[in-house]
């Protein structure tokens, strides 16, 4: 059954506590700097002032009063605990050159298989998106693929430092079990290396690294922010990724609001064969629109990119906004209908479902 809505007072108290420990937006800290990332040191650029990073389109972060206003007026949608959900089938070991396959694991975690390479996006197998096991957003359903059923992982791409995207326990498990290459934004390498993870490559926007077998990993801009504690807001870089190989172009948007980066990706790489786009944690709009696209905006991004196939992520796993568990997929379908976009071109995969991307 759907979870009953919290009382307004309880929601406000819990929300204030979450804000004070940095859990808003996927971040988290107990004490000011306990969990904060060390940050990046380097010359100033058009998106780094020597201390902090910024978006291409400047945006002012939400303050405590705005956050409190959200908590006081929130109308959260229904969420159902499906912790007994069965995992999906074990993915194939690899796909061949020119072939492309995606498996939706949950939240922003997908397995992209292309040209003999296996790549995970923002992997999280932990029970909570938090630095501690007793507090923070808790998953309502298990990962769609068991960790033990993963094929050999060649690379892991991490879009930014928020706990629902950079999950250290999962990264440590992957390092121990698979020894993949890890790709992160500027300022995040020290964070991983402090936990014994090596083979970490930091990237700035528009930088790239050869992964082998003709596959190249490109870092691309996103419209978002970063932070793991109360002392490291925007000291590490957030981003999306493009994987480019014989199998075509795969675009993973990471966590993002609307911005010029969708058109920039199209101009630099051409229309993606596959775009992985977030749709959830988008309500209330007045609060979330600076950092998260809505389902309707995801459809707009799909059109701007000219993607042959898009796949929805960032929904139905962690309750991070006012949108209900099924609301983002439902609104996505309605947005596709209103814009006259073929629904078959923008999949909402089941948790653990994998599909090949056919040439069009």
Protein backbone atom coordinates (compact mmCIF):
# COMPACT_ATOMS: atom_id res chain seq x y z
CA UNK A 1 0.00 0.00 0.00
CA UNK A 2 1.18 3.58 -0.57
CA UNK A 3 2.87 5.16 2.43
CA UNK A 4 0.62 7.60 4.32
CA UNK A 5 1.70 11.21 4.08
CA UNK A 6 3.71 12.49 7.04
CA UNK A 7 2.07 15.04 9.29
CA UNK A 8 3.02 18.58 8.32
CA UNK A 9 4.88 19.18 11.61
CA UNK A 10 6.83 15.93 11.37
CA UNK A 11 7.74 16.64 7.76
CA UNK A 12 8.99 20.13 8.64
CA UNK A 13 11.07 18.86 11.57
CA UNK A 14 12.58 16.05 9.53
CA UNK A 15 13.17 18.42 6.63
CA UNK A 16 14.92 21.00 8.80
CA UNK A 17 17.14 18.30 10.25
CA UNK A 18 17.92 17.06 6.75
CA UNK A 19 18.84 20.55 5.63
CA UNK A 20 21.03 21.15 8.66
CA UNK A 21 23.02 17.97 8.05
CA UNK A 22 23.30 18.67 4.34
CA UNK A 23 20.96 15.98 3.04
CA UNK A 24 19.09 18.32 0.71
CA UNK A 25 19.68 17.58 -2.97
CA UNK A 26 21.43 14.28 -2.25
CA UNK A 27 24.19 15.82 -0.11
CA UNK A 28 24.80 14.98 3.53
CA UNK A 29 26.93 15.85 6.56
CA UNK A 30 26.86 15.58 10.32
CA UNK A 31 28.96 18.42 11.64
CA UNK A 32 30.12 21.07 9.24
CA UNK A 33 33.05 19.53 7.38
CA UNK A 34 33.08 15.87 8.43
CA UNK A 35 32.00 14.49 5.07
CA UNK A 36 33.04 17.36 2.84
CA UNK A 37 35.13 16.71 -0.27
CA UNK A 38 38.60 18.31 -0.41
CA UNK A 39 37.85 20.19 -3.61
CA UNK A 40 39.87 21.21 -6.65
CA UNK A 41 43.00 23.33 -6.89
CA UNK A 42 43.87 24.82 -10.24
CA UNK A 43 43.79 27.89 -12.45
CA UNK A 44 40.59 29.82 -12.96
CA UNK A 45 38.47 29.04 -16.03
CA UNK A 46 35.14 30.19 -17.41
CA UNK A 47 33.42 27.85 -14.91
CA UNK A 48 35.93 27.80 -12.01
CA UNK A 49 36.93 30.93 -10.07
CA UNK A 50 39.87 29.32 -8.28
CA UNK A 51 37.70 28.05 -5.41
CA UNK A 52 34.29 27.04 -6.71
CA UNK A 53 32.68 25.84 -9.92
CA UNK A 54 29.69 27.43 -11.62
CA UNK A 55 27.12 26.61 -14.26
CA UNK A 56 27.09 27.94 -17.79
CA UNK A 57 23.80 29.62 -16.86
CA UNK A 58 24.30 31.21 -13.41
CA UNK A 59 21.86 30.03 -10.78
CA UNK A 60 21.43 31.00 -7.14
CA UNK A 61 21.31 28.05 -4.76
CA UNK A 62 18.24 27.53 -2.61
CA UNK A 63 18.68 28.89 0.90
CA UNK A 64 17.28 27.69 4.19
CA UNK A 65 14.19 29.93 4.01
CA UNK A 66 13.26 28.57 0.60
CA UNK A 67 13.82 25.04 1.79
CA UNK A 68 11.65 25.66 4.85
CA UNK A 69 8.99 27.17 2.61
CA UNK A 70 8.97 23.98 0.56
CA UNK A 71 8.61 21.81 3.67
CA UNK A 72 5.76 23.95 5.00
CA UNK A 73 3.77 23.87 1.76
CA UNK A 74 4.74 20.44 0.44
CA UNK A 75 2.14 18.11 -1.06
CA UNK A 76 4.16 14.89 -1.41
CA UNK A 77 2.94 12.16 -3.71
CA UNK A 78 2.45 8.55 -2.68
CA UNK A 79 5.33 6.08 -2.47
CA UNK A 80 5.04 2.34 -2.01
CA UNK A 81 7.62 0.07 -0.40
CA UNK A 82 8.52 -2.64 -2.90
CA UNK A 83 11.54 -4.02 -1.08
CA UNK A 84 10.49 -7.54 -2.07
CA UNK A 85 10.80 -6.81 -5.81
CA UNK A 86 12.62 -9.55 -7.70
CA UNK A 87 15.86 -8.72 -9.57
CA UNK A 88 16.04 -8.77 -13.34
CA UNK A 89 17.86 -11.29 -15.45
CA UNK A 90 21.63 -11.44 -15.52
CA UNK A 91 22.92 -9.26 -18.38
CA UNK A 92 25.10 -10.77 -21.11
CA UNK A 93 28.84 -10.80 -20.54
CA UNK A 94 29.45 -8.34 -23.38
CA UNK A 95 28.06 -7.17 -26.71
CA UNK A 96 30.00 -7.09 -29.95
CA UNK A 97 31.49 -4.24 -31.94
CA UNK A 98 28.80 -1.91 -33.25
CA UNK A 99 26.24 -3.29 -30.80
CA UNK A 100 24.61 -1.33 -27.97
CA UNK A 101 22.55 -2.45 -25.00
CA UNK A 102 21.26 -0.75 -21.85
CA UNK A 103 20.04 -2.18 -18.55
CA UNK A 104 18.18 0.02 -16.06
CA UNK A 105 19.36 -0.86 -12.54
CA UNK A 106 17.57 1.94 -10.68
CA UNK A 107 17.79 5.67 -9.93
CA UNK A 108 20.60 6.98 -12.21
CA UNK A 109 22.36 3.62 -12.36
CA UNK A 110 22.47 1.95 -15.75
CA UNK A 111 24.68 -0.63 -17.37
CA UNK A 112 25.73 0.48 -20.85
CA UNK A 113 27.21 -2.28 -22.99
CA UNK A 114 28.76 -1.18 -26.26
CA UNK A 115 31.56 -2.30 -28.54
CA UNK A 116 32.86 -4.92 -26.11
CA UNK A 117 32.91 -2.49 -23.16
CA UNK A 118 30.76 -2.50 -20.01
CA UNK A 119 30.17 0.88 -18.36
CA UNK A 120 28.17 1.74 -15.23
CA UNK A 121 26.64 5.18 -14.71
CA UNK A 122 26.38 6.62 -11.18
CA UNK A 123 26.24 3.20 -9.51
CA UNK A 124 24.48 2.85 -6.17
CA UNK A 125 23.69 -0.51 -4.57
CA UNK A 126 23.54 0.89 -1.02
CA UNK A 127 20.38 0.93 1.06
CA UNK A 128 20.60 4.68 1.65
CA UNK A 129 21.88 7.66 -0.31
CA UNK A 130 23.74 8.99 2.71
CA UNK A 131 27.12 8.96 4.46
CA UNK A 132 25.56 7.01 7.36
CA UNK A 133 23.47 3.85 7.55
CA UNK A 134 20.84 5.18 9.97
CA UNK A 135 19.64 8.35 8.22
CA UNK A 136 19.15 9.85 4.79
CA UNK A 137 17.03 8.89 1.78
CA UNK A 138 16.28 5.16 1.83
CA UNK A 139 15.61 3.16 -1.31
CA UNK A 140 12.07 1.81 -1.62
CA UNK A 141 13.12 -1.02 -3.92
CA UNK A 142 16.26 -3.11 -4.37
CA UNK A 143 18.59 -2.60 -7.33
CA UNK A 144 17.14 -4.10 -10.48
CA UNK A 145 20.27 -6.23 -11.00
CA UNK A 146 22.04 -8.09 -8.22
CA UNK A 147 25.60 -6.87 -7.75
CA UNK A 148 26.79 -10.46 -8.13
CA UNK A 149 25.12 -10.69 -11.54
CA UNK A 150 27.05 -7.80 -13.05
CA UNK A 151 29.34 -8.65 -15.95
CA UNK A 152 32.97 -7.57 -15.79
CA UNK A 153 32.89 -3.77 -15.51
CA UNK A 154 35.46 -1.80 -17.52
CA UNK A 155 34.54 1.74 -16.52
CA UNK A 156 32.44 3.69 -14.05
CA UNK A 157 31.32 7.25 -14.81
CA UNK A 158 30.27 9.43 -11.87
CA UNK A 159 28.41 12.63 -12.67
CA UNK A 160 28.81 14.52 -9.38
CA UNK A 161 29.40 14.20 -5.66
CA UNK A 162 25.86 13.92 -4.24
CA UNK A 163 25.33 10.72 -2.30
CA UNK A 164 22.68 9.31 -4.63
CA UNK A 165 25.22 9.52 -7.49
CA UNK A 166 28.63 9.09 -5.86
CA UNK A 167 28.04 6.17 -3.49
CA UNK A 168 31.36 5.29 -1.91
CA UNK A 169 30.41 1.83 -0.58
CA UNK A 170 29.36 0.77 -4.07
CA UNK A 171 32.47 2.26 -5.67
CA UNK A 172 34.63 0.35 -3.17
CA UNK A 173 32.80 -2.90 -3.99
CA UNK A 174 33.31 -2.32 -7.69
CA UNK A 175 36.98 -1.54 -7.17
CA UNK A 176 37.47 -4.77 -5.22
CA UNK A 177 35.43 -7.00 -7.54
CA UNK A 178 36.10 -5.55 -11.00
CA UNK A 179 39.03 -3.10 -10.89
CA UNK A 180 37.39 -0.75 -13.42
CA UNK A 181 38.56 2.70 -14.43
CA UNK A 182 36.71 5.44 -12.58
CA UNK A 183 35.90 8.78 -14.19
CA UNK A 184 34.93 11.74 -12.01
CA UNK A 185 34.75 15.52 -12.20
CA UNK A 186 37.57 17.79 -11.07
CA UNK A 187 38.11 17.69 -7.31
CA UNK A 188 36.67 14.21 -6.71
CA UNK A 189 39.73 12.00 -7.20
CA UNK A 190 41.09 12.62 -3.70
CA UNK A 191 37.73 11.57 -2.29
CA UNK A 192 37.97 8.14 -3.95
CA UNK A 193 41.68 7.67 -3.36
CA UNK A 194 41.21 8.36 0.37
CA UNK A 195 39.08 5.20 0.45
CA UNK A 196 41.69 3.12 -1.37
CA UNK A 197 40.21 3.40 -4.86
CA UNK A 198 42.78 3.84 -7.62
CA UNK A 199 42.59 4.02 -11.43
CA UNK A 200 40.70 7.30 -11.02
CA UNK A 201 40.73 9.91 -13.78
CA UNK A 202 39.49 13.45 -13.17
CA UNK A 203 37.95 15.28 -16.10
CA UNK A 204 37.03 18.86 -16.84
CA UNK A 205 34.16 19.68 -19.19
CA UNK A 206 34.96 18.72 -22.79
CA UNK A 207 37.96 16.55 -21.89
CA UNK A 208 38.13 12.95 -23.11
CA UNK A 209 39.96 9.67 -22.48
CA UNK A 210 40.39 6.63 -24.72
CA UNK A 211 38.83 3.55 -23.11
CA UNK A 212 40.06 1.12 -25.77
CA UNK A 213 38.33 -0.84 -28.54
CA UNK A 214 37.52 2.46 -30.23
CA UNK A 215 35.42 3.73 -27.29
CA UNK A 216 36.17 7.24 -25.98
CA UNK A 217 34.77 8.75 -22.76
CA UNK A 218 33.96 12.46 -23.04
CA UNK A 219 32.98 14.75 -20.16
CA UNK A 220 30.26 17.29 -21.00
CA UNK A 221 28.60 20.11 -19.04
CA UNK A 222 25.47 19.79 -16.92
CA UNK A 223 23.34 22.37 -15.11
CA UNK A 224 23.51 21.34 -11.47
CA UNK A 225 25.69 21.69 -8.34
CA UNK A 226 27.81 19.57 -5.98
CA UNK A 227 28.39 18.94 -2.30
CA UNK A 228 28.64 16.15 0.27
CA UNK A 229 28.73 18.29 3.41
CA UNK A 230 28.11 21.85 4.54
CA UNK A 231 31.60 23.04 3.64
CA UNK A 232 32.09 21.82 0.06
CA UNK A 233 29.27 23.33 -1.97
CA UNK A 234 30.46 23.53 -5.60
CA UNK A 235 34.14 22.81 -4.86
CA UNK A 236 33.96 19.74 -7.15
CA UNK A 237 32.71 19.65 -10.73
CA UNK A 238 29.41 18.16 -11.93
CA UNK A 239 28.96 16.82 -15.46
CA UNK A 240 27.39 14.46 -17.94
CA UNK A 241 29.20 12.01 -20.21
CA UNK A 242 29.31 10.97 -23.84
CA UNK A 243 30.53 7.50 -24.77
CA UNK A 244 31.54 7.42 -28.41
CA UNK A 245 32.54 4.31 -30.32
CA UNK A 246 31.78 2.12 -33.33
CA UNK A 247 28.35 1.52 -31.77
CA UNK A 248 27.53 5.21 -31.95
CA UNK A 249 27.10 8.01 -29.42
CA UNK A 250 25.66 7.42 -25.95
CA UNK A 251 24.84 10.48 -23.85
CA UNK A 252 24.36 10.23 -20.08
CA UNK A 253 23.04 13.54 -18.77
CA UNK A 254 23.75 12.89 -15.09
CA UNK A 255 21.71 15.19 -12.85
CA UNK A 256 20.73 18.37 -14.63
CA UNK A 257 18.32 21.20 -15.20
CA UNK A 258 17.65 22.68 -18.62
CA UNK A 259 20.55 24.56 -20.20
CA UNK A 260 22.57 25.08 -23.37
CA UNK A 261 24.47 21.82 -22.90
CA UNK A 262 21.90 19.70 -24.74
CA UNK A 263 22.36 21.71 -27.92
CA UNK A 264 26.13 21.75 -27.39
CA UNK A 265 26.23 17.95 -27.17
CA UNK A 266 24.20 17.70 -30.38
CA UNK A 267 26.52 20.13 -32.16
CA UNK A 268 29.75 18.43 -31.06
CA UNK A 269 28.78 14.77 -31.32
CA UNK A 270 25.74 14.63 -33.55
CA UNK A 271 22.42 13.05 -32.63
CA UNK A 272 22.99 10.36 -29.97
CA UNK A 273 22.03 6.81 -30.72
CA UNK A 274 21.06 6.63 -27.04
CA UNK A 275 20.34 9.40 -24.51
CA UNK A 276 19.96 8.58 -20.81
CA UNK A 277 17.87 11.39 -19.32
CA UNK A 278 16.63 12.08 -15.75
CA UNK A 279 12.92 12.67 -15.16
CA UNK A 280 12.32 12.52 -11.38
CA UNK A 281 12.70 14.60 -8.20
CA UNK A 282 11.26 17.54 -10.15
CA UNK A 283 8.56 18.82 -7.75
CA UNK A 284 7.86 21.38 -6.42
CA UNK A 285 8.85 23.07 -9.65
CA UNK A 286 9.63 26.46 -8.11
CA UNK A 287 12.25 24.77 -5.94
CA UNK A 288 13.60 22.01 -8.19
CA UNK A 289 13.69 23.65 -11.62
CA UNK A 290 17.16 25.08 -11.05
CA UNK A 291 18.71 21.61 -10.68
CA UNK A 292 16.37 18.95 -12.13
CA UNK A 293 14.52 18.74 -15.44
CA UNK A 294 10.85 17.86 -15.38
CA UNK A 295 9.48 15.01 -17.51
CA UNK A 296 8.25 17.57 -20.06
CA UNK A 297 11.71 19.16 -20.18
CA UNK A 298 13.26 15.72 -20.60
CA UNK A 299 11.14 15.31 -23.73
CA UNK A 300 12.32 18.74 -24.89
CA UNK A 301 15.92 17.66 -24.29
CA UNK A 302 15.27 14.46 -26.24
CA UNK A 303 14.11 16.58 -29.17
CA UNK A 304 16.98 19.07 -28.92
CA UNK A 305 19.45 16.19 -28.93
CA UNK A 306 17.70 14.48 -31.81
CA UNK A 307 18.22 11.22 -29.94
CA UNK A 308 17.27 8.07 -31.79
CA UNK A 309 16.39 6.46 -28.47
CA UNK A 310 16.09 7.88 -24.98
CA UNK A 311 15.79 6.07 -21.66
CA UNK A 312 14.37 7.60 -18.48
CA UNK A 313 16.28 7.44 -15.17
CA UNK A 314 16.27 9.14 -11.75
CA UNK A 315 12.82 8.06 -10.61
CA UNK A 316 11.07 5.47 -8.45
CA UNK A 317 14.00 4.52 -6.18
CA UNK A 318 14.68 7.31 -3.68
CA UNK A 319 12.00 9.76 -2.56
CA UNK A 320 13.83 13.08 -3.08
CA UNK A 321 11.05 15.46 -4.13
CA UNK A 322 7.28 15.94 -3.93
CA UNK A 323 6.56 13.87 -7.03
CA UNK A 324 5.06 10.48 -6.33
CA UNK A 325 6.68 7.18 -7.21
CA UNK A 326 4.81 6.77 -10.50
CA UNK A 327 4.26 10.44 -11.29
CA UNK A 328 7.37 11.13 -13.38
CA UNK A 329 6.82 8.19 -15.81
CA UNK A 330 3.13 9.11 -16.12
CA UNK A 331 3.91 12.76 -16.87
CA UNK A 332 6.61 11.70 -19.31
CA UNK A 333 4.07 9.70 -21.31
CA UNK A 334 1.68 12.66 -21.28
CA UNK A 335 4.44 15.05 -22.40
CA UNK A 336 5.36 12.73 -25.28
CA UNK A 337 1.71 12.67 -26.35
CA UNK A 338 1.32 16.45 -26.16
CA UNK A 339 4.49 17.06 -28.18
CA UNK A 340 3.59 14.44 -30.76
CA UNK A 341 6.72 12.40 -30.02
CA UNK A 342 6.61 8.66 -30.63
CA UNK A 343 6.43 7.05 -27.19
CA UNK A 344 8.57 4.17 -28.49
CA UNK A 345 11.49 6.62 -28.85
CA UNK A 346 11.60 7.33 -25.09
CA UNK A 347 11.56 4.19 -22.96
CA UNK A 348 10.63 3.83 -19.32
CA UNK A 349 12.32 0.51 -18.65
CA UNK A 350 11.36 -1.76 -15.80
CA UNK A 351 13.81 -2.08 -12.93
CA UNK A 352 16.37 -4.64 -14.04
CA UNK A 353 15.11 -4.60 -17.63
CA UNK A 354 17.69 -4.64 -20.40
CA UNK A 355 17.17 -3.96 -24.09
CA UNK A 356 19.36 -3.78 -27.15
CA UNK A 357 19.31 -0.49 -29.07
CA UNK A 358 18.49 -1.34 -32.65
CA UNK A 359 19.83 0.70 -35.55
CA UNK A 360 17.19 2.97 -37.07
